[in-house]
Amino acid sequence: GTIGWPEWPKLVASTIDFTSVRRGREWMSPRWRETWF
């Protein structure tokens, strides 16, 4: 994942990507609009 804070004052949402054996090793990339700051 990434944390969006270093681009402040531009608001950049943090991210996460993950993959797991139980989900067939496919990548999941959920996204939210919220930011750390």
PDB file of all heavy atoms in Angstrom:
ATOM      1  N   GLY A   1       0.802  -1.210   0.000  1.00  0.00           N
ATOM      2  CA  GLY A   1       0.000   0.000   0.000  1.00  0.00           C
ATOM      3  C   GLY A   1       0.831   1.253   0.000  1.00  0.00           C
ATOM      4  O   GLY A   1       2.070   1.224   0.065  1.00  0.00           O
ATOM      5  N   THR A   2       0.136   2.382  -0.078  1.00  0.00           N
ATOM      6  CA  THR A   2       0.763   3.699  -0.025  1.00  0.00           C
ATOM      7  C   THR A   2      -0.010   4.565   0.960  1.00  0.00           C
ATOM      8  O   THR A   2      -1.207   4.370   1.192  1.00  0.00           O
ATOM      9  CB  THR A   2       0.764   4.391  -1.395  1.00  0.00           C
ATOM     10  OG1 THR A   2      -0.597   4.629  -1.802  1.00  0.00           O
ATOM     11  CG2 THR A   2       1.459   3.536  -2.442  1.00  0.00           C
ATOM     12  N   ILE A   3       0.705   5.532   1.530  1.00  0.00           N
ATOM     13  CA  ILE A   3       0.093   6.533   2.400  1.00  0.00           C
ATOM     14  C   ILE A   3       0.204   7.867   1.683  1.00  0.00           C
ATOM     15  O   ILE A   3       1.292   8.297   1.293  1.00  0.00           O
ATOM     16  CB  ILE A   3       0.816   6.601   3.765  1.00  0.00           C
ATOM     17  CG1 ILE A   3       0.907   5.208   4.405  1.00  0.00           C
ATOM     18  CG2 ILE A   3       0.124   7.598   4.685  1.00  0.00           C
ATOM     19  CD1 ILE A   3      -0.405   4.596   4.807  1.00  0.00           C
ATOM     20  N   GLY A   4      -0.918   8.553   1.493  1.00  0.00           N
ATOM     21  CA  GLY A   4      -0.939   9.721   0.624  1.00  0.00           C
ATOM     22  C   GLY A   4      -0.394  11.010   1.211  1.00  0.00           C
ATOM     23  O   GLY A   4      -0.237  11.991   0.486  1.00  0.00           O
ATOM     24  N   TRP A   5      -0.057  11.026   2.504  1.00  0.00           N
ATOM     25  CA  TRP A   5       0.309  12.267   3.198  1.00  0.00           C
ATOM     26  C   TRP A   5       1.429  13.078   2.545  1.00  0.00           C
ATOM     27  O   TRP A   5       1.353  14.328   2.536  1.00  0.00           O
ATOM     28  CB  TRP A   5       0.687  11.940   4.647  1.00  0.00           C
ATOM     29  CG  TRP A   5       1.488  13.017   5.291  1.00  0.00           C
ATOM     30  CD1 TRP A   5       1.025  14.193   5.816  1.00  0.00           C
ATOM     31  CD2 TRP A   5       2.920  13.055   5.432  1.00  0.00           C
ATOM     32  NE1 TRP A   5       2.074  14.939   6.285  1.00  0.00           N
ATOM     33  CE2 TRP A   5       3.243  14.272   6.062  1.00  0.00           C
ATOM     34  CE3 TRP A   5       3.939  12.166   5.096  1.00  0.00           C
ATOM     35  CZ2 TRP A   5       4.560  14.616   6.362  1.00  0.00           C
ATOM     36  CZ3 TRP A   5       5.245  12.504   5.386  1.00  0.00           C
ATOM     37  CH2 TRP A   5       5.544  13.722   6.016  1.00  0.00           C
ATOM     38  N   PRO A   6       2.513  12.492   2.000  1.00  0.00           N
ATOM     39  CA  PRO A   6       3.610  13.346   1.523  1.00  0.00           C
ATOM     40  C   PRO A   6       3.230  14.370   0.465  1.00  0.00           C
ATOM     41  O   PRO A   6       3.994  15.300   0.217  1.00  0.00           O
ATOM     42  CB  PRO A   6       4.622  12.329   0.967  1.00  0.00           C
ATOM     43  CG  PRO A   6       4.389  11.101   1.771  1.00  0.00           C
ATOM     44  CD  PRO A   6       2.893  11.063   1.944  1.00  0.00           C
ATOM     45  N   GLU A   7       2.062  14.246  -0.162  1.00  0.00           N
ATOM     46  CA  GLU A   7       1.668  15.216  -1.183  1.00  0.00           C
ATOM     47  C   GLU A   7       0.851  16.378  -0.619  1.00  0.00           C
ATOM     48  O   GLU A   7       0.327  17.202  -1.367  1.00  0.00           O
ATOM     49  CB  GLU A   7       0.905  14.514  -2.306  1.00  0.00           C
ATOM     50  CG  GLU A   7       1.764  13.511  -3.059  1.00  0.00           C
ATOM     51  CD  GLU A   7       1.167  13.121  -4.391  1.00  0.00           C
ATOM     52  OE1 GLU A   7       0.750  14.028  -5.146  1.00  0.00           O
ATOM     53  OE2 GLU A   7       1.115  11.900  -4.678  1.00  0.00           O
ATOM     54  N   TRP A   8       0.693  16.429   0.739  1.00  0.00           N
ATOM     55  CA  TRP A   8      -0.022  17.533   1.372  1.00  0.00           C
ATOM     56  C   TRP A   8       0.580  18.865   0.895  1.00  0.00           C
ATOM     57  O   TRP A   8       1.794  18.975   0.755  1.00  0.00           O
ATOM     58  CB  TRP A   8       0.101  17.403   2.895  1.00  0.00           C
ATOM     59  CG  TRP A   8      -0.592  18.501   3.634  1.00  0.00           C
ATOM     60  CD1 TRP A   8      -0.076  19.730   3.949  1.00  0.00           C
ATOM     61  CD2 TRP A   8      -1.929  18.485   4.110  1.00  0.00           C
ATOM     62  NE1 TRP A   8      -1.009  20.478   4.595  1.00  0.00           N
ATOM     63  CE2 TRP A   8      -2.152  19.740   4.720  1.00  0.00           C
ATOM     64  CE3 TRP A   8      -2.957  17.541   4.101  1.00  0.00           C
ATOM     65  CZ2 TRP A   8      -3.370  20.068   5.303  1.00  0.00           C
ATOM     66  CZ3 TRP A   8      -4.165  17.874   4.689  1.00  0.00           C
ATOM     67  CH2 TRP A   8      -4.365  19.116   5.279  1.00  0.00           C
ATOM     68  N   PRO A   9      -0.245  19.898   0.605  1.00  0.00           N
ATOM     69  CA  PRO A   9      -1.667  20.042   0.910  1.00  0.00           C
ATOM     70  C   PRO A   9      -2.621  19.409  -0.102  1.00  0.00           C
ATOM     71  O   PRO A   9      -3.834  19.486   0.078  1.00  0.00           O
ATOM     72  CB  PRO A   9      -1.864  21.547   0.954  1.00  0.00           C
ATOM     73  CG  PRO A   9      -0.862  22.068  -0.012  1.00  0.00           C
ATOM     74  CD  PRO A   9       0.333  21.170   0.117  1.00  0.00           C
ATOM     75  N   LYS A  10      -2.097  18.826  -1.150  1.00  0.00           N
ATOM     76  CA  LYS A  10      -2.969  18.063  -2.036  1.00  0.00           C
ATOM     77  C   LYS A  10      -3.462  16.834  -1.286  1.00  0.00           C
ATOM     78  O   LYS A  10      -2.679  16.117  -0.680  1.00  0.00           O
ATOM     79  CB  LYS A  10      -2.206  17.631  -3.291  1.00  0.00           C
ATOM     80  CG  LYS A  10      -3.029  16.850  -4.288  1.00  0.00           C
ATOM     81  CD  LYS A  10      -2.190  16.437  -5.492  1.00  0.00           C
ATOM     82  CE  LYS A  10      -2.986  15.625  -6.490  1.00  0.00           C
ATOM     83  NZ  LYS A  10      -2.140  15.189  -7.647  1.00  0.00           N
ATOM     84  N   LEU A  11      -4.765  16.583  -1.308  1.00  0.00           N
ATOM     85  CA  LEU A  11      -5.334  15.441  -0.592  1.00  0.00           C
ATOM     86  C   LEU A  11      -5.278  14.207  -1.483  1.00  0.00           C
ATOM     87  O   LEU A  11      -5.952  14.143  -2.510  1.00  0.00           O
ATOM     88  CB  LEU A  11      -6.780  15.735  -0.176  1.00  0.00           C
ATOM     89  CG  LEU A  11      -6.979  16.944   0.755  1.00  0.00           C
ATOM     90  CD1 LEU A  11      -8.439  17.076   1.147  1.00  0.00           C
ATOM     91  CD2 LEU A  11      -6.103  16.821   2.001  1.00  0.00           C
ATOM     92  N   VAL A  12      -4.461  13.259  -1.089  1.00  0.00           N
ATOM     93  CA  VAL A  12      -4.274  12.029  -1.851  1.00  0.00           C
ATOM     94  C   VAL A  12      -4.625  10.852  -0.955  1.00  0.00           C
ATOM     95  O   VAL A  12      -4.047  10.682   0.121  1.00  0.00           O
ATOM     96  CB  VAL A  12      -2.820  11.899  -2.354  1.00  0.00           C
ATOM     97  CG1 VAL A  12      -2.627  10.580  -3.087  1.00  0.00           C
ATOM     98  CG2 VAL A  12      -2.480  13.076  -3.275  1.00  0.00           C
ATOM     99  N   ALA A  13      -5.580  10.054  -1.398  1.00  0.00           N
ATOM    100  CA  ALA A  13      -6.014   8.917  -0.590  1.00  0.00           C
ATOM    101  C   ALA A  13      -4.934   7.837  -0.532  1.00  0.00           C
ATOM    102  O   ALA A  13      -4.214   7.603  -1.502  1.00  0.00           O
ATOM    103  CB  ALA A  13      -7.303   8.334  -1.147  1.00  0.00           C
ATOM    104  N   SER A  14      -4.827   7.191   0.617  1.00  0.00           N
ATOM    105  CA  SER A  14      -3.952   6.035   0.739  1.00  0.00           C
ATOM    106  C   SER A  14      -4.548   4.866  -0.040  1.00  0.00           C
ATOM    107  O   SER A  14      -5.745   4.842  -0.351  1.00  0.00           O
ATOM    108  CB  SER A  14      -3.782   5.665   2.211  1.00  0.00           C
ATOM    109  OG  SER A  14      -3.216   6.736   2.932  1.00  0.00           O
ATOM    110  N   THR A  15      -3.709   3.886  -0.367  1.00  0.00           N
ATOM    111  CA  THR A  15      -4.166   2.758  -1.182  1.00  0.00           C
ATOM    112  C   THR A  15      -3.739   1.433  -0.561  1.00  0.00           C
ATOM    113  O   THR A  15      -2.824   1.380   0.260  1.00  0.00           O
ATOM    114  CB  THR A  15      -3.574   2.832  -2.599  1.00  0.00           C
ATOM    115  OG1 THR A  15      -2.148   2.623  -2.526  1.00  0.00           O
ATOM    116  CG2 THR A  15      -3.853   4.174  -3.253  1.00  0.00           C
ATOM    117  N   ILE A  16      -4.392   0.371  -0.987  1.00  0.00           N
ATOM    118  CA  ILE A  16      -4.002  -0.983  -0.626  1.00  0.00           C
ATOM    119  C   ILE A  16      -4.318  -1.909  -1.806  1.00  0.00           C
ATOM    120  O   ILE A  16      -5.359  -1.755  -2.471  1.00  0.00           O
ATOM    121  CB  ILE A  16      -4.715  -1.476   0.654  1.00  0.00           C
ATOM    122  CG1 ILE A  16      -4.217  -2.867   1.059  1.00  0.00           C
ATOM    123  CG2 ILE A  16      -6.227  -1.457   0.491  1.00  0.00           C
ATOM    124  CD1 ILE A  16      -4.717  -3.339   2.422  1.00  0.00           C
ATOM    125  N   ASP A  17      -3.415  -2.817  -2.082  1.00  0.00           N
ATOM    126  CA  ASP A  17      -3.614  -3.905  -3.035  1.00  0.00           C
ATOM    127  C   ASP A  17      -3.241  -5.192  -2.305  1.00  0.00           C
ATOM    128  O   ASP A  17      -2.273  -5.207  -1.541  1.00  0.00           O
ATOM    129  CB  ASP A  17      -2.716  -3.755  -4.269  1.00  0.00           C
ATOM    130  CG  ASP A  17      -2.870  -2.405  -4.946  1.00  0.00           C
ATOM    131  OD1 ASP A  17      -4.003  -2.057  -5.295  1.00  0.00           O
ATOM    132  OD2 ASP A  17      -1.844  -1.722  -5.109  1.00  0.00           O
ATOM    133  N   PHE A  18      -3.984  -6.257  -2.540  1.00  0.00           N
ATOM    134  CA  PHE A  18      -3.638  -7.508  -1.870  1.00  0.00           C
ATOM    135  C   PHE A  18      -4.036  -8.707  -2.718  1.00  0.00           C
ATOM    136  O   PHE A  18      -4.920  -8.633  -3.582  1.00  0.00           O
ATOM    137  CB  PHE A  18      -4.283  -7.592  -0.482  1.00  0.00           C
ATOM    138  CG  PHE A  18      -5.784  -7.722  -0.481  1.00  0.00           C
ATOM    139  CD1 PHE A  18      -6.398  -8.969  -0.429  1.00  0.00           C
ATOM    140  CD2 PHE A  18      -6.590  -6.590  -0.520  1.00  0.00           C
ATOM    141  CE1 PHE A  18      -7.777  -9.090  -0.420  1.00  0.00           C
ATOM    142  CE2 PHE A  18      -7.979  -6.691  -0.510  1.00  0.00           C
ATOM    143  CZ  PHE A  18      -8.579  -7.958  -0.459  1.00  0.00           C
ATOM    144  N   THR A  19      -3.376  -9.812  -2.446  1.00  0.00           N
ATOM    145  CA  THR A  19      -3.681 -11.082  -3.088  1.00  0.00           C
ATOM    146  C   THR A  19      -3.511 -12.175  -2.049  1.00  0.00           C
ATOM    147  O   THR A  19      -2.686 -12.059  -1.140  1.00  0.00           O
ATOM    148  CB  THR A  19      -2.748 -11.332  -4.287  1.00  0.00           C
ATOM    149  OG1 THR A  19      -3.083 -12.583  -4.894  1.00  0.00           O
ATOM    150  CG2 THR A  19      -1.296 -11.351  -3.883  1.00  0.00           C
ATOM    151  N   SER A  20      -4.312 -13.217  -2.142  1.00  0.00           N
ATOM    152  CA  SER A  20      -4.200 -14.312  -1.182  1.00  0.00           C
ATOM    153  C   SER A  20      -4.565 -15.629  -1.853  1.00  0.00           C
ATOM    154  O   SER A  20      -5.293 -15.665  -2.856  1.00  0.00           O
ATOM    155  CB  SER A  20      -5.113 -14.083   0.031  1.00  0.00           C
ATOM    156  OG  SER A  20      -6.478 -14.174  -0.334  1.00  0.00           O
ATOM    157  N   VAL A  21      -4.071 -16.693  -1.295  1.00  0.00           N
ATOM    158  CA  VAL A  21      -4.337 -18.024  -1.819  1.00  0.00           C
ATOM    159  C   VAL A  21      -5.829 -18.308  -1.807  1.00  0.00           C
ATOM    160  O   VAL A  21      -6.388 -18.861  -2.778  1.00  0.00           O
ATOM    161  CB  VAL A  21      -3.556 -19.072  -1.006  1.00  0.00           C
ATOM    162  CG1 VAL A  21      -3.981 -20.482  -1.398  1.00  0.00           C
ATOM    163  CG2 VAL A  21      -2.050 -18.897  -1.194  1.00  0.00           C
ATOM    164  N   ARG A  22      -6.507 -17.920  -0.742  1.00  0.00           N
ATOM    165  CA  ARG A  22      -7.934 -18.247  -0.620  1.00  0.00           C
ATOM    166  C   ARG A  22      -8.789 -17.533  -1.660  1.00  0.00           C
ATOM    167  O   ARG A  22      -9.935 -17.911  -1.898  1.00  0.00           O
ATOM    168  CB  ARG A  22      -8.440 -17.957   0.793  1.00  0.00           C
ATOM    169  CG  ARG A  22      -8.527 -16.502   1.150  1.00  0.00           C
ATOM    170  CD  ARG A  22      -9.234 -16.271   2.486  1.00  0.00           C
ATOM    171  NE  ARG A  22      -8.572 -16.914   3.607  1.00  0.00           N
ATOM    172  CZ  ARG A  22      -8.962 -16.778   4.876  1.00  0.00           C
ATOM    173  NH1 ARG A  22     -10.022 -16.020   5.162  1.00  0.00           N
ATOM    174  NH2 ARG A  22      -8.326 -17.389   5.851  1.00  0.00           N
ATOM    175  N   ARG A  23      -8.260 -16.471  -2.284  1.00  0.00           N
ATOM    176  CA  ARG A  23      -9.005 -15.742  -3.317  1.00  0.00           C
ATOM    177  C   ARG A  23      -8.438 -16.012  -4.706  1.00  0.00           C
ATOM    178  O   ARG A  23      -8.589 -15.201  -5.619  1.00  0.00           O
ATOM    179  CB  ARG A  23      -9.016 -14.247  -3.003  1.00  0.00           C
ATOM    180  CG  ARG A  23      -9.760 -13.952  -1.719  1.00  0.00           C
ATOM    181  CD  ARG A  23      -9.845 -12.492  -1.386  1.00  0.00           C
ATOM    182  NE  ARG A  23     -10.484 -12.349  -0.089  1.00  0.00           N
ATOM    183  CZ  ARG A  23     -11.803 -12.302   0.102  1.00  0.00           C
ATOM    184  NH1 ARG A  23     -12.612 -12.347  -0.939  1.00  0.00           N
ATOM    185  NH2 ARG A  23     -12.309 -12.211   1.321  1.00  0.00           N
ATOM    186  N   GLY A  24      -7.777 -17.168  -4.850  1.00  0.00           N
ATOM    187  CA  GLY A  24      -7.294 -17.580  -6.151  1.00  0.00           C
ATOM    188  C   GLY A  24      -6.106 -16.808  -6.656  1.00  0.00           C
ATOM    189  O   GLY A  24      -5.834 -16.786  -7.860  1.00  0.00           O
ATOM    190  N   ARG A  25      -5.407 -16.143  -5.751  1.00  0.00           N
ATOM    191  CA  ARG A  25      -4.206 -15.383  -6.086  1.00  0.00           C
ATOM    192  C   ARG A  25      -4.468 -14.202  -7.026  1.00  0.00           C
ATOM    193  O   ARG A  25      -3.555 -13.685  -7.646  1.00  0.00           O
ATOM    194  CB  ARG A  25      -3.128 -16.301  -6.678  1.00  0.00           C
ATOM    195  CG  ARG A  25      -2.618 -17.357  -5.713  1.00  0.00           C
ATOM    196  CD  ARG A  25      -1.486 -18.174  -6.338  1.00  0.00           C
ATOM    197  NE  ARG A  25      -0.890 -19.097  -5.376  1.00  0.00           N
ATOM    198  CZ  ARG A  25      -1.336 -20.320  -5.133  1.00  0.00           C
ATOM    199  NH1 ARG A  25      -2.412 -20.763  -5.792  1.00  0.00           N
ATOM    200  NH2 ARG A  25      -0.741 -21.103  -4.255  1.00  0.00           N
ATOM    201  N   GLU A  26      -5.710 -13.775  -7.131  1.00  0.00           N
ATOM    202  CA  GLU A  26      -6.010 -12.587  -7.923  1.00  0.00           C
ATOM    203  C   GLU A  26      -5.788 -11.330  -7.077  1.00  0.00           C
ATOM    204  O   GLU A  26      -6.025 -11.333  -5.872  1.00  0.00           O
ATOM    205  CB  GLU A  26      -7.461 -12.617  -8.414  1.00  0.00           C
ATOM    206  CG  GLU A  26      -7.738 -13.710  -9.441  1.00  0.00           C
ATOM    207  CD  GLU A  26      -9.141 -13.612  -9.991  1.00  0.00           C
ATOM    208  OE1 GLU A  26      -9.844 -12.639  -9.635  1.00  0.00           O
ATOM    209  OE2 GLU A  26      -9.542 -14.493 -10.769  1.00  0.00           O
ATOM    210  N   TRP A  27      -5.346 -10.278  -7.724  1.00  0.00           N
ATOM    211  CA  TRP A  27      -5.125  -9.030  -7.008  1.00  0.00           C
ATOM    212  C   TRP A  27      -6.455  -8.302  -6.783  1.00  0.00           C
ATOM    213  O   TRP A  27      -7.279  -8.204  -7.680  1.00  0.00           O
ATOM    214  CB  TRP A  27      -4.184  -8.119  -7.782  1.00  0.00           C
ATOM    215  CG  TRP A  27      -2.747  -8.497  -7.633  1.00  0.00           C
ATOM    216  CD1 TRP A  27      -1.996  -9.232  -8.497  1.00  0.00           C
ATOM    217  CD2 TRP A  27      -1.889  -8.152  -6.541  1.00  0.00           C
ATOM    218  NE1 TRP A  27      -0.718  -9.376  -8.014  1.00  0.00           N
ATOM    219  CE2 TRP A  27      -0.627  -8.725  -6.809  1.00  0.00           C
ATOM    220  CE3 TRP A  27      -2.064  -7.427  -5.358  1.00  0.00           C
ATOM    221  CZ2 TRP A  27       0.448  -8.581  -5.950  1.00  0.00           C
ATOM    222  CZ3 TRP A  27      -0.981  -7.287  -4.500  1.00  0.00           C
ATOM    223  CH2 TRP A  27       0.259  -7.854  -4.790  1.00  0.00           C
ATOM    224  N   MET A  28      -6.626  -7.811  -5.566  1.00  0.00           N
ATOM    225  CA  MET A  28      -7.758  -6.956  -5.215  1.00  0.00           C
ATOM    226  C   MET A  28      -7.211  -5.562  -4.952  1.00  0.00           C
ATOM    227  O   MET A  28      -6.180  -5.401  -4.286  1.00  0.00           O
ATOM    228  CB  MET A  28      -8.457  -7.483  -3.961  1.00  0.00           C
ATOM    229  CG  MET A  28      -8.921  -8.932  -4.063  1.00  0.00           C
ATOM    230  SD  MET A  28     -10.377  -9.100  -5.119  1.00  0.00           S
ATOM    231  CE  MET A  28     -11.621  -8.353  -4.066  1.00  0.00           C
ATOM    232  N   SER A  29      -7.915  -4.550  -5.474  1.00  0.00           N
ATOM    233  CA  SER A  29      -7.431  -3.168  -5.344  1.00  0.00           C
ATOM    234  C   SER A  29      -8.566  -2.245  -4.916  1.00  0.00           C
ATOM    235  O   SER A  29      -9.028  -1.388  -5.685  1.00  0.00           O
ATOM    236  CB  SER A  29      -6.832  -2.692  -6.672  1.00  0.00           C
ATOM    237  OG  SER A  29      -5.750  -3.511  -7.048  1.00  0.00           O
ATOM    238  N   PRO A  30      -9.056  -2.382  -3.682  1.00  0.00           N
ATOM    239  CA  PRO A  30     -10.111  -1.477  -3.212  1.00  0.00           C
ATOM    240  C   PRO A  30      -9.574  -0.062  -3.073  1.00  0.00           C
ATOM    241  O   PRO A  30      -8.388   0.149  -2.817  1.00  0.00           O
ATOM    242  CB  PRO A  30     -10.492  -2.065  -1.850  1.00  0.00           C
ATOM    243  CG  PRO A  30      -9.249  -2.752  -1.387  1.00  0.00           C
ATOM    244  CD  PRO A  30      -8.611  -3.310  -2.625  1.00  0.00           C
ATOM    245  N   ARG A  31     -10.444   0.911  -3.238  1.00  0.00           N
ATOM    246  CA  ARG A  31     -10.042   2.294  -3.111  1.00  0.00           C
ATOM    247  C   ARG A  31     -11.093   3.069  -2.316  1.00  0.00           C
ATOM    248  O   ARG A  31     -12.294   2.821  -2.438  1.00  0.00           O
ATOM    249  CB  ARG A  31      -9.856   2.951  -4.490  1.00  0.00           C
ATOM    250  CG  ARG A  31      -8.685   2.371  -5.296  1.00  0.00           C
ATOM    251  CD  ARG A  31      -7.356   2.722  -4.650  1.00  0.00           C
ATOM    252  NE  ARG A  31      -6.213   2.247  -5.414  1.00  0.00           N
ATOM    253  CZ  ARG A  31      -5.570   1.099  -5.174  1.00  0.00           C
ATOM    254  NH1 ARG A  31      -5.975   0.293  -4.206  1.00  0.00           N
ATOM    255  NH2 ARG A  31      -4.518   0.764  -5.906  1.00  0.00           N
ATOM    256  N   TRP A  32     -10.607   3.998  -1.514  1.00  0.00           N
ATOM    257  CA  TRP A  32     -11.461   4.893  -0.750  1.00  0.00           C
ATOM    258  C   TRP A  32     -11.059   6.328  -1.038  1.00  0.00           C
ATOM    259  O   TRP A  32      -9.932   6.594  -1.464  1.00  0.00           O
ATOM    260  CB  TRP A  32     -11.329   4.621   0.754  1.00  0.00           C
ATOM    261  CG  TRP A  32     -11.855   3.304   1.196  1.00  0.00           C
ATOM    262  CD1 TRP A  32     -13.105   3.019   1.667  1.00  0.00           C
ATOM    263  CD2 TRP A  32     -11.130   2.054   1.238  1.00  0.00           C
ATOM    264  NE1 TRP A  32     -13.201   1.687   1.989  1.00  0.00           N
ATOM    265  CE2 TRP A  32     -12.012   1.069   1.738  1.00  0.00           C
ATOM    266  CE3 TRP A  32      -9.838   1.670   0.888  1.00  0.00           C
ATOM    267  CZ2 TRP A  32     -11.648  -0.257   1.904  1.00  0.00           C
ATOM    268  CZ3 TRP A  32      -9.459   0.350   1.040  1.00  0.00           C
ATOM    269  CH2 TRP A  32     -10.355  -0.602   1.552  1.00  0.00           C
ATOM    270  N   ARG A  33     -11.935   7.259  -0.751  1.00  0.00           N
ATOM    271  CA  ARG A  33     -11.630   8.670  -0.980  1.00  0.00           C
ATOM    272  C   ARG A  33     -10.959   9.324   0.213  1.00  0.00           C
ATOM    273  O   ARG A  33     -10.331  10.371   0.084  1.00  0.00           O
ATOM    274  CB  ARG A  33     -12.917   9.433  -1.309  1.00  0.00           C
ATOM    275  CG  ARG A  33     -13.494   9.096  -2.683  1.00  0.00           C
ATOM    276  CD  ARG A  33     -14.755   9.883  -2.957  1.00  0.00           C
ATOM    277  NE  ARG A  33     -15.817   9.552  -2.008  1.00  0.00           N
ATOM    278  CZ  ARG A  33     -17.003  10.132  -1.968  1.00  0.00           C
ATOM    279  NH1 ARG A  33     -17.290  11.109  -2.819  1.00  0.00           N
ATOM    280  NH2 ARG A  33     -17.913   9.766  -1.087  1.00  0.00           N
ATOM    281  N   GLU A  34     -11.093   8.737   1.409  1.00  0.00           N
ATOM    282  CA  GLU A  34     -10.570   9.356   2.615  1.00  0.00           C
ATOM    283  C   GLU A  34      -9.033   9.423   2.600  1.00  0.00           C
ATOM    284  O   GLU A  34      -8.370   8.592   1.978  1.00  0.00           O
ATOM    285  CB  GLU A  34     -11.032   8.591   3.857  1.00  0.00           C
ATOM    286  CG  GLU A  34     -12.527   8.665   4.119  1.00  0.00           C
ATOM    287  CD  GLU A  34     -13.339   7.702   3.263  1.00  0.00           C
ATOM    288  OE1 GLU A  34     -12.737   6.865   2.557  1.00  0.00           O
ATOM    289  OE2 GLU A  34     -14.589   7.786   3.295  1.00  0.00           O
ATOM    290  N   THR A  35      -8.508  10.412   3.299  1.00  0.00           N
ATOM    291  CA  THR A  35      -7.066  10.603   3.380  1.00  0.00           C
ATOM    292  C   THR A  35      -6.618  10.546   4.841  1.00  0.00           C
ATOM    293  O   THR A  35      -7.413  10.769   5.761  1.00  0.00           O
ATOM    294  CB  THR A  35      -6.666  11.958   2.782  1.00  0.00           C
ATOM    295  OG1 THR A  35      -7.317  13.004   3.503  1.00  0.00           O
ATOM    296  CG2 THR A  35      -7.055  12.036   1.313  1.00  0.00           C
ATOM    297  N   TRP A  36      -5.312  10.259   5.033  1.00  0.00           N
ATOM    298  CA  TRP A  36      -4.778  10.247   6.404  1.00  0.00           C
ATOM    299  C   TRP A  36      -4.962  11.630   7.033  1.00  0.00           C
ATOM    300  O   TRP A  36      -5.547  11.764   8.105  1.00  0.00           O
ATOM    301  CB  TRP A  36      -3.299   9.841   6.355  1.00  0.00           C
ATOM    302  CG  TRP A  36      -2.618   9.829   7.696  1.00  0.00           C
ATOM    303  CD1 TRP A  36      -3.213   9.774   8.930  1.00  0.00           C
ATOM    304  CD2 TRP A  36      -1.201   9.858   7.946  1.00  0.00           C
ATOM    305  NE1 TRP A  36      -2.257   9.771   9.928  1.00  0.00           N
ATOM    306  CE2 TRP A  36      -1.028   9.829   9.356  1.00  0.00           C
ATOM    307  CE3 TRP A  36      -0.089   9.914   7.120  1.00  0.00           C
ATOM    308  CZ2 TRP A  36       0.247   9.845   9.939  1.00  0.00           C
ATOM    309  CZ3 TRP A  36       1.177   9.926   7.712  1.00  0.00           C
ATOM    310  CH2 TRP A  36       1.335   9.900   9.101  1.00  0.00           C
ATOM    311  N   PHE A  37      -4.461  12.672   6.370  1.00  0.00           N
ATOM    312  CA  PHE A  37      -4.651  14.047   6.826  1.00  0.00           C
ATOM    313  C   PHE A  37      -5.754  14.656   5.972  1.00  0.00           C
ATOM    314  O   PHE A  37      -5.599  14.723   4.751  1.00  0.00           O
ATOM    315  CB  PHE A  37      -3.365  14.855   6.613  1.00  0.00           C
ATOM    316  CG  PHE A  37      -2.310  14.699   7.667  1.00  0.00           C
ATOM    317  CD1 PHE A  37      -2.019  13.468   8.223  1.00  0.00           C
ATOM    318  CD2 PHE A  37      -1.572  15.802   8.090  1.00  0.00           C
ATOM    319  CE1 PHE A  37      -1.027  13.331   9.167  1.00  0.00           C
ATOM    320  CE2 PHE A  37      -0.573  15.677   9.046  1.00  0.00           C
ATOM    321  CZ  PHE A  37      -0.299  14.428   9.590  1.00  0.00           C
TER     322      PHE A  37
END
